[in-house]
Amino acid sequence: MTNRKSELETLRADLKARLARYEAHQRREDGALEKDFEEQATQTQNDEVVDSLETETRDELSQIEHALERIEHGLGDSCESCGEPIDPRRLQVLPYTTLCVDCAGD
């Protein structure tokens, strides 16, 4: 469990750093939009991609925070839906999962 907790904490730190980069991009810390219309169009498309990545990152970060909270309460290895143990192989692949394979498939 400690190894999983440490892996989740590392993932959390990485995601927070990634979010900071996305937020900096959205605040245009690297400069305003170009004056050239075609370049503005490209930058706007990039903004949409960054928005999508930011949303995905926030969702993953939320799942990691939830998994860490469950670990702190001694529930990290059990399915939060049915209460059965989560297969350790599943936890290796998805360390932030809180559901067993059966419940995740429902």
C-alpha atoms as a PDB file:
ATOM      1  CA  MET A   1       0.000   0.000   0.000  1.00  0.00           C
ATOM      2  CA  THR A   2       2.835   2.401   0.803  1.00  0.00           C
ATOM      3  CA  ASN A   3       4.251   1.901  -2.690  1.00  0.00           C
ATOM      4  CA  ARG A   4       0.859   2.696  -4.215  1.00  0.00           C
ATOM      5  CA  LYS A   5       0.448   5.729  -1.975  1.00  0.00           C
ATOM      6  CA  SER A   6       3.849   7.015  -2.984  1.00  0.00           C
ATOM      7  CA  GLU A   7       3.052   6.396  -6.655  1.00  0.00           C
ATOM      8  CA  LEU A   8      -0.196   8.338  -6.295  1.00  0.00           C
ATOM      9  CA  GLU A   9       1.594  11.203  -4.550  1.00  0.00           C
ATOM     10  CA  THR A  10       4.108  11.356  -7.410  1.00  0.00           C
ATOM     11  CA  LEU A  11       1.285  11.330  -9.960  1.00  0.00           C
ATOM     12  CA  ARG A  12      -0.473  14.085  -8.022  1.00  0.00           C
ATOM     13  CA  ALA A  13       2.646  16.266  -8.044  1.00  0.00           C
ATOM     14  CA  ASP A  14       3.124  15.689 -11.785  1.00  0.00           C
ATOM     15  CA  LEU A  15      -0.495  16.571 -12.518  1.00  0.00           C
ATOM     16  CA  LYS A  16      -0.317  19.731 -10.406  1.00  0.00           C
ATOM     17  CA  ALA A  17       2.790  20.816 -12.327  1.00  0.00           C
ATOM     18  CA  ARG A  18       1.022  20.072 -15.607  1.00  0.00           C
ATOM     19  CA  LEU A  19      -2.000  22.115 -14.503  1.00  0.00           C
ATOM     20  CA  ALA A  20       0.256  25.043 -13.651  1.00  0.00           C
ATOM     21  CA  ARG A  21       1.665  24.939 -17.207  1.00  0.00           C
ATOM     22  CA  TYR A  22      -1.825  24.794 -18.715  1.00  0.00           C
ATOM     23  CA  GLU A  23      -2.974  27.714 -16.577  1.00  0.00           C
ATOM     24  CA  ALA A  24       0.096  29.736 -17.564  1.00  0.00           C
ATOM     25  CA  HIS A  25      -0.702  29.039 -21.204  1.00  0.00           C
ATOM     26  CA  GLN A  26      -4.296  30.187 -20.739  1.00  0.00           C
ATOM     27  CA  ARG A  27      -3.135  33.406 -19.043  1.00  0.00           C
ATOM     28  CA  ARG A  28      -0.861  34.015 -22.043  1.00  0.00           C
ATOM     29  CA  GLU A  29       2.215  34.296 -19.856  1.00  0.00           C
ATOM     30  CA  ASP A  30       4.274  33.586 -22.955  1.00  0.00           C
ATOM     31  CA  GLY A  31       2.791  36.583 -24.781  1.00  0.00           C
ATOM     32  CA  ALA A  32      -0.423  37.841 -26.339  1.00  0.00           C
ATOM     33  CA  LEU A  33      -2.016  36.495 -29.507  1.00  0.00           C
ATOM     34  CA  GLU A  34      -0.101  37.125 -32.704  1.00  0.00           C
ATOM     35  CA  LYS A  35      -1.335  39.920 -34.973  1.00  0.00           C
ATOM     36  CA  ASP A  36      -1.400  37.603 -37.976  1.00  0.00           C
ATOM     37  CA  PHE A  37      -4.908  36.149 -38.413  1.00  0.00           C
ATOM     38  CA  GLU A  38      -3.687  32.677 -39.447  1.00  0.00           C
ATOM     39  CA  GLU A  39      -1.384  32.519 -36.454  1.00  0.00           C
ATOM     40  CA  GLN A  40      -4.273  33.621 -34.196  1.00  0.00           C
ATOM     41  CA  ALA A  41      -6.388  30.790 -35.593  1.00  0.00           C
ATOM     42  CA  THR A  42      -3.630  28.297 -34.771  1.00  0.00           C
ATOM     43  CA  GLN A  43      -3.229  29.727 -31.286  1.00  0.00           C
ATOM     44  CA  THR A  44      -6.985  29.522 -30.713  1.00  0.00           C
ATOM     45  CA  GLN A  45      -6.996  25.861 -31.775  1.00  0.00           C
ATOM     46  CA  ASN A  46      -4.116  25.258 -29.382  1.00  0.00           C
ATOM     47  CA  ASP A  47      -6.147  26.906 -26.623  1.00  0.00           C
ATOM     48  CA  GLU A  48      -8.998  24.465 -27.243  1.00  0.00           C
ATOM     49  CA  VAL A  49      -6.622  21.516 -27.011  1.00  0.00           C
ATOM     50  CA  VAL A  50      -5.117  22.894 -23.802  1.00  0.00           C
ATOM     51  CA  ASP A  51      -8.630  23.395 -22.369  1.00  0.00           C
ATOM     52  CA  SER A  52      -9.416  19.756 -23.069  1.00  0.00           C
ATOM     53  CA  LEU A  53      -6.129  18.553 -21.572  1.00  0.00           C
ATOM     54  CA  GLU A  54      -6.696  20.728 -18.511  1.00  0.00           C
ATOM     55  CA  THR A  55     -10.152  19.218 -17.971  1.00  0.00           C
ATOM     56  CA  GLU A  56      -8.789  15.672 -18.279  1.00  0.00           C
ATOM     57  CA  THR A  57      -5.939  16.499 -15.900  1.00  0.00           C
ATOM     58  CA  ARG A  58      -8.308  17.965 -13.308  1.00  0.00           C
ATOM     59  CA  ASP A  59     -10.504  14.854 -13.525  1.00  0.00           C
ATOM     60  CA  GLU A  60      -7.522  12.546 -13.052  1.00  0.00           C
ATOM     61  CA  LEU A  61      -6.241  14.673 -10.172  1.00  0.00           C
ATOM     62  CA  SER A  62      -9.641  14.434  -8.501  1.00  0.00           C
ATOM     63  CA  GLN A  63      -9.564  10.632  -8.819  1.00  0.00           C
ATOM     64  CA  ILE A  64      -6.072  10.528  -7.316  1.00  0.00           C
ATOM     65  CA  GLU A  65      -7.103  12.751  -4.398  1.00  0.00           C
ATOM     66  CA  HIS A  66     -10.098  10.485  -3.765  1.00  0.00           C
ATOM     67  CA  ALA A  67      -7.932   7.342  -3.875  1.00  0.00           C
ATOM     68  CA  LEU A  68      -5.399   8.893  -1.471  1.00  0.00           C
ATOM     69  CA  GLU A  69      -8.202   9.826   0.920  1.00  0.00           C
ATOM     70  CA  ARG A  70      -9.473   6.232   0.858  1.00  0.00           C
ATOM     71  CA  ILE A  71      -5.942   4.942   1.527  1.00  0.00           C
ATOM     72  CA  GLU A  72      -5.650   7.312   4.517  1.00  0.00           C
ATOM     73  CA  HIS A  73      -8.855   5.817   5.919  1.00  0.00           C
ATOM     74  CA  GLY A  74      -7.635   2.245   5.366  1.00  0.00           C
ATOM     75  CA  LEU A  75     -10.056   1.583   2.501  1.00  0.00           C
ATOM     76  CA  GLY A  76      -7.693   1.854  -0.451  1.00  0.00           C
ATOM     77  CA  ASP A  77      -7.682  -1.821  -1.425  1.00  0.00           C
ATOM     78  CA  SER A  78     -11.419  -2.410  -1.224  1.00  0.00           C
ATOM     79  CA  CYS A  79     -14.039  -1.549  -3.831  1.00  0.00           C
ATOM     80  CA  GLU A  80     -16.067   1.452  -2.756  1.00  0.00           C
ATOM     81  CA  SER A  81     -19.149  -0.035  -4.403  1.00  0.00           C
ATOM     82  CA  CYS A  82     -19.254  -3.670  -3.271  1.00  0.00           C
ATOM     83  CA  GLY A  83     -16.563  -3.692  -0.553  1.00  0.00           C
ATOM     84  CA  GLU A  84     -14.681  -6.641  -2.061  1.00  0.00           C
ATOM     85  CA  PRO A  85     -10.872  -6.443  -2.448  1.00  0.00           C
ATOM     86  CA  ILE A  86      -9.631  -4.808  -5.656  1.00  0.00           C
ATOM     87  CA  ASP A  87      -7.336  -7.105  -7.619  1.00  0.00           C
ATOM     88  CA  PRO A  88      -3.721  -5.967  -7.010  1.00  0.00           C
ATOM     89  CA  ARG A  89      -3.055  -6.262 -10.761  1.00  0.00           C
ATOM     90  CA  ARG A  90      -5.823  -3.731 -11.398  1.00  0.00           C
ATOM     91  CA  LEU A  91      -4.299  -1.401  -8.815  1.00  0.00           C
ATOM     92  CA  GLN A  92      -0.934  -1.710 -10.576  1.00  0.00           C
ATOM     93  CA  VAL A  93      -2.457  -0.617 -13.876  1.00  0.00           C
ATOM     94  CA  LEU A  94      -4.835   1.999 -12.418  1.00  0.00           C
ATOM     95  CA  PRO A  95      -3.401   2.993  -9.033  1.00  0.00           C
ATOM     96  CA  TYR A  96      -6.152   5.565  -8.498  1.00  0.00           C
ATOM     97  CA  THR A  97      -9.060   3.184  -9.109  1.00  0.00           C
ATOM     98  CA  THR A  98     -11.553   2.739  -6.299  1.00  0.00           C
ATOM     99  CA  LEU A  99     -13.671   0.083  -8.008  1.00  0.00           C
ATOM    100  CA  CYS A 100     -13.116  -3.593  -8.685  1.00  0.00           C
ATOM    101  CA  VAL A 101     -13.351  -4.846 -12.280  1.00  0.00           C
ATOM    102  CA  ASP A 102     -16.928  -6.075 -11.821  1.00  0.00           C
ATOM    103  CA  CYS A 103     -18.238  -2.799 -10.396  1.00  0.00           C
ATOM    104  CA  ALA A 104     -16.296  -0.671 -12.901  1.00  0.00           C
ATOM    105  CA  GLY A 105     -17.990  -2.592 -15.708  1.00  0.00           C
ATOM    106  CA  ASP A 106     -21.513  -1.853 -14.439  1.00  0.00           C
END
